[in-house]
Amino acid sequence: MKDFYKYELNSELNILYKYYYGPISLDDIFSSWEHAFDNNIIPKDIKGFILDFRKSTFDFKVDRFIDISNFYKEHIDVFKGTKIGLISVKPNDVVIPILFTTKDKGYTSAAFSTDQAAIDWILE
């Protein structure tokens, strides 16, 4: 397995951080979540997730964002009722998190450029 992501749980805030590194494919996104599911990394009462893409680049076409949204819907038992803050600052990578937010169903997502803005939004 390549080293393209890392999880950190902030148990005080009840937020799970997921950091991505380098070029990431759709399979990378899906397999990293499946790793979390299989290894009970996500607490049952999690408030939200912060997905940090600032040290990564998307290695797939923009229109494939729908596949990510469909993956979340297939695993709605994990994501239902949570908030997902998507952090990206590179102009060519910002569009995917923004498009992803248009397909929310059962969870709520929003795009941000800073950790603090994402944290504040999840906790409101």
Protein backbone atom coordinates (compact mmCIF):
# COMPACT_ATOMS: atom_id res chain seq x y z
CA MET A 1 0.00 0.00 0.00
CA LYS A 2 1.37 3.40 -0.92
CA ASP A 3 1.53 6.19 1.64
CA PHE A 4 -0.99 8.69 0.29
CA TYR A 5 -3.19 9.36 3.32
CA LYS A 6 -3.17 9.61 7.09
CA TYR A 7 -5.98 9.68 9.65
CA GLU A 8 -5.98 11.66 12.90
CA LEU A 9 -8.84 11.69 15.36
CA ASN A 10 -9.44 14.78 17.45
CA SER A 11 -11.44 13.08 20.20
CA GLU A 12 -12.02 16.37 22.01
CA LEU A 13 -13.86 17.85 19.01
CA ASN A 14 -15.04 14.46 17.72
CA ILE A 15 -13.68 15.20 14.24
CA LEU A 16 -11.71 12.77 12.10
CA TYR A 17 -9.02 14.36 9.94
CA LYS A 18 -7.94 12.67 6.74
CA TYR A 19 -4.82 14.06 5.06
CA TYR A 20 -3.99 13.17 1.46
CA TYR A 21 -0.50 13.32 -0.10
CA GLY A 22 0.71 13.35 -3.71
CA PRO A 23 -1.38 12.45 -6.73
CA ILE A 24 -4.53 10.59 -5.71
CA SER A 25 -6.88 8.54 -7.86
CA LEU A 26 -10.48 7.58 -7.28
CA ASP A 27 -9.30 4.13 -6.22
CA ASP A 28 -7.02 5.77 -3.66
CA ILE A 29 -9.94 7.68 -2.18
CA PHE A 30 -12.16 4.60 -2.06
CA SER A 31 -9.50 2.22 -0.70
CA SER A 32 -8.48 4.66 2.04
CA TRP A 33 -12.08 4.86 3.25
CA GLU A 34 -12.45 1.08 3.05
CA HIS A 35 -9.32 0.80 5.21
CA ALA A 36 -11.00 3.07 7.78
CA PHE A 37 -14.21 1.01 7.68
CA ASP A 38 -12.38 -2.32 8.00
CA ASN A 39 -10.18 -1.11 10.88
CA ASN A 40 -12.86 0.71 12.90
CA ILE A 41 -11.06 4.04 12.60
CA ILE A 42 -14.31 6.02 12.48
CA PRO A 43 -16.11 6.37 15.84
CA LYS A 44 -19.86 5.68 15.68
CA ASP A 45 -20.75 9.11 17.09
CA ILE A 46 -18.38 11.16 14.88
CA LYS A 47 -19.52 14.76 14.30
CA GLY A 48 -17.62 15.32 11.12
CA PHE A 49 -14.66 14.82 8.88
CA ILE A 50 -12.00 17.19 7.59
CA LEU A 51 -10.51 15.98 4.33
CA ASP A 52 -7.32 17.90 3.65
CA PHE A 53 -6.21 17.89 0.00
CA ARG A 54 -3.66 20.72 0.28
CA LYS A 55 -0.65 18.40 -0.12
CA SER A 56 -2.21 16.34 -2.89
CA THR A 57 -3.48 16.63 -6.45
CA PHE A 58 -6.44 14.89 -8.02
CA ASP A 59 -5.35 12.37 -10.63
CA PHE A 60 -8.72 11.94 -12.36
CA LYS A 61 -11.06 13.94 -14.58
CA VAL A 62 -13.27 16.54 -12.92
CA ASP A 63 -16.50 14.91 -14.09
CA ARG A 64 -15.65 11.79 -12.05
CA PHE A 65 -16.49 13.67 -8.81
CA ILE A 66 -19.90 12.01 -9.11
CA ASP A 67 -18.24 8.64 -8.40
CA ILE A 68 -17.02 9.98 -5.06
CA SER A 69 -20.50 11.20 -4.21
CA ASN A 70 -21.95 7.82 -5.14
CA PHE A 71 -19.38 6.09 -2.90
CA TYR A 72 -20.50 8.21 0.07
CA LYS A 73 -24.14 7.37 -0.67
CA GLU A 74 -23.28 3.66 -0.79
CA HIS A 75 -21.80 4.05 2.70
CA ILE A 76 -24.41 6.39 4.10
CA ASP A 77 -24.48 4.30 7.29
CA VAL A 78 -21.05 5.82 8.07
CA PHE A 79 -21.61 9.36 6.78
CA LYS A 80 -25.29 9.97 7.61
CA GLY A 81 -25.81 13.14 9.63
CA THR A 82 -22.16 14.17 9.53
CA LYS A 83 -20.48 17.26 8.13
CA ILE A 84 -17.58 16.85 5.73
CA GLY A 85 -15.20 19.79 5.39
CA LEU A 86 -13.10 19.61 2.22
CA ILE A 87 -9.89 21.67 2.28
CA SER A 88 -8.14 22.57 -0.96
CA VAL A 89 -6.27 25.66 -2.09
CA LYS A 90 -4.87 24.83 -5.54
CA PRO A 91 -7.00 26.48 -8.22
CA ASN A 92 -7.17 23.39 -10.44
CA ASP A 93 -8.12 21.13 -7.48
CA VAL A 94 -10.69 23.39 -5.78
CA VAL A 95 -13.39 22.60 -8.34
CA ILE A 96 -13.81 18.93 -7.31
CA PRO A 97 -14.67 19.69 -3.64
CA ILE A 98 -17.05 22.43 -4.78
CA LEU A 99 -18.82 20.11 -7.24
CA PHE A 100 -18.94 17.35 -4.60
CA THR A 101 -20.99 19.62 -2.32
CA THR A 102 -23.73 19.83 -4.97
CA LYS A 103 -24.54 16.12 -4.57
CA ASP A 104 -24.91 15.93 -0.77
CA LYS A 105 -27.55 13.47 0.37
CA GLY A 106 -27.74 12.34 3.99
CA TYR A 107 -24.59 14.27 4.93
CA THR A 108 -23.50 17.88 4.43
CA SER A 109 -20.25 19.00 2.86
CA ALA A 110 -18.57 22.32 2.23
CA ALA A 111 -15.31 23.48 0.66
CA PHE A 112 -12.79 25.49 2.69
CA SER A 113 -9.27 26.82 2.40
CA THR A 114 -8.36 26.64 6.13
CA ASP A 115 -8.64 24.12 8.97
CA GLN A 116 -10.22 26.62 11.34
CA ALA A 117 -13.03 27.54 8.96
CA ALA A 118 -13.83 23.84 8.48
CA ILE A 119 -13.73 23.16 12.24
CA ASP A 120 -15.97 26.14 13.02
CA TRP A 121 -18.50 24.99 10.42
CA ILE A 122 -18.57 21.38 11.70
CA LEU A 123 -19.06 22.50 15.30
CA GLU A 124 -21.81 25.08 14.62
